[in-house]
Protein backbone atom coordinates (compact mmCIF):
# COMPACT_ATOMS: atom_id res chain seq x y z
CA MET A 1 108.33 288.07 4.76
CA ILE A 2 111.59 286.14 4.59
CA ASP A 3 112.14 287.59 1.08
CA ASN A 4 112.33 291.04 2.69
CA VAL A 5 114.56 289.96 5.17
CA LYS A 6 117.15 288.61 2.41
CA ILE A 7 116.67 291.76 0.59
CA ILE A 8 117.75 293.93 3.54
CA GLY A 9 120.36 291.48 4.81
CA ALA A 10 121.71 292.21 1.43
CA ALA A 11 121.78 295.72 1.74
CA ALA A 12 123.29 295.53 4.88
CA ILE A 13 126.07 293.47 3.28
CA ILE A 14 126.64 295.88 0.71
CA ALA A 15 126.89 298.92 3.38
CA ALA A 16 129.22 296.66 5.34
CA ALA A 17 131.50 296.34 2.31
CA VAL A 18 131.29 300.01 1.49
CA ALA A 19 132.29 300.39 5.48
CA MET A 20 134.90 298.08 5.21
CA TYR A 21 136.29 300.05 2.07
CA TYR A 22 136.75 303.06 4.05
CA GLN A 23 137.56 301.53 7.34
CA PHE A 24 140.64 299.63 5.75
CA GLU A 25 142.57 302.65 4.48
CA ASP A 26 146.04 300.76 4.97
CA LEU A 27 145.12 297.81 2.56
CA LEU A 28 146.31 298.37 -0.84
CA GLN A 29 143.51 300.02 -3.25
CA LEU A 30 143.16 296.33 -4.94
CA GLY A 31 142.27 294.61 -1.73
CA ARG A 32 139.60 297.30 -0.42
CA VAL A 33 137.84 297.05 -4.18
CA GLY A 34 138.31 293.33 -4.00
CA ILE A 35 136.03 293.58 -0.66
CA VAL A 36 133.47 295.75 -2.31
CA ILE A 37 132.95 293.34 -5.17
CA ALA A 38 133.09 290.35 -2.96
CA GLY A 39 130.32 292.42 -1.00
CA VAL A 40 128.28 292.88 -3.98
CA VAL A 41 128.32 289.35 -5.40
CA LEU A 42 127.44 287.94 -1.88
CA ALA A 43 124.43 290.26 -2.03
CA THR A 44 123.62 289.52 -5.34
CA ALA A 45 123.68 285.79 -4.58
CA LEU A 46 121.45 286.43 -1.70
CA VAL A 47 118.69 288.40 -3.42
CA LEU A 48 118.49 285.59 -6.02
CA THR A 49 117.31 283.68 -3.76
CA THR A 50 114.22 285.65 -3.33
CA GLN A 51 111.02 285.57 -5.64
CA MET A 52 111.90 288.84 -6.83
CA GLY A 53 115.47 288.04 -7.68
CA GLN A 54 114.34 284.79 -9.64
CA ASP A 55 111.69 286.80 -11.45
CA ALA A 56 114.55 289.29 -12.49
CA TRP A 57 116.90 286.59 -13.60
CA GLN A 58 114.10 284.85 -15.72
CA PHE A 59 113.39 288.61 -17.24
CA ILE A 60 117.06 288.75 -17.98
CA LYS A 61 117.09 285.35 -19.45
CA GLY A 62 114.31 286.23 -21.34
CA ALA A 63 115.59 289.67 -22.74
CA ASN A 64 118.76 287.59 -23.84
CA VAL A 65 116.82 285.29 -25.91
CA GLU A 66 115.12 287.96 -27.53
CA ARG A 67 118.48 290.06 -28.00
CA GLN A 68 119.72 286.75 -30.01
CA LYS A 69 116.77 286.99 -32.37
CA VAL A 70 117.59 290.50 -33.53
CA VAL A 71 118.62 290.21 -37.22
CA TRP A 72 121.11 293.07 -37.98
CA PRO A 73 120.95 294.44 -41.53
CA SER A 74 123.94 293.69 -44.13
CA ARG A 75 126.24 296.84 -45.01
CA GLN A 76 124.62 297.14 -48.38
CA GLU A 77 121.24 297.23 -46.68
CA ALA A 78 122.09 299.84 -44.01
CA LEU A 79 123.53 302.09 -46.68
CA GLN A 80 120.30 301.71 -49.09
CA VAL A 81 118.11 302.78 -46.10
CA THR A 82 120.76 305.45 -45.06
CA LEU A 83 120.47 306.95 -48.70
CA PHE A 84 116.83 306.41 -49.12
CA VAL A 85 116.34 308.68 -46.05
CA ILE A 86 118.75 311.20 -47.04
CA VAL A 87 116.87 311.62 -50.37
CA LEU A 88 113.50 311.63 -48.70
CA VAL A 89 114.54 314.24 -46.33
CA ILE A 90 115.99 316.37 -49.43
CA LEU A 91 112.50 315.94 -51.12
CA ILE A 92 110.31 316.79 -48.30
CA GLY A 93 112.53 319.76 -47.45
CA LEU A 94 112.20 321.03 -51.35
CA MET A 95 108.34 320.26 -50.50
CA MET A 96 108.11 322.14 -47.76
CA TRP A 97 110.54 325.31 -48.93
CA ALA A 98 108.14 325.29 -52.08
CA PHE A 99 104.75 325.41 -49.92
CA ASP A 100 106.45 328.31 -47.89
CA ALA A 101 107.25 330.48 -50.99
CA LEU A 102 103.80 329.73 -52.60
CA SER A 103 102.22 330.81 -49.38
CA PHE A 104 104.58 333.56 -48.96
CA TYR A 105 103.66 334.61 -52.86
CA THR A 106 99.88 334.11 -51.98
CA ILE A 107 99.72 336.00 -48.67
CA TYR A 108 102.02 339.21 -49.59
CA ASP A 109 101.56 339.53 -53.36
CA VAL A 110 98.03 338.40 -54.03
CA ILE A 111 96.05 338.95 -50.84
CA LEU A 112 98.17 341.90 -49.51
CA ARG A 113 99.58 343.18 -52.63
CA VAL A 114 102.70 344.39 -50.21
CA ARG A 115 105.70 343.33 -52.16
CA GLY A 116 104.11 344.44 -55.71
CA ALA A 117 103.65 348.04 -54.88
């Protein structure tokens, strides 16, 4: 129950920061943006005190750990895989063209005898 109140309070803080942005039109743009940023930071801090906020923070930390485990290929490996994919696409394209030409010949020349007449 208290978590819901905190989340509603965080939404109210953001709404108030946006309202203040439009209310203080005589301030410099930088000051108005600073008010909104401060409101978002304050609201985020409030949400992080809830169970949902803690769960989200743990998820973000876990995602960062997994991101650090990613092993990117070297330049040579990336080039080899790219060339392999290009050659494979060309070979499959040629095979599909050959199958299409063979089926076209079979249907029109052998079965229907349309082109040979």
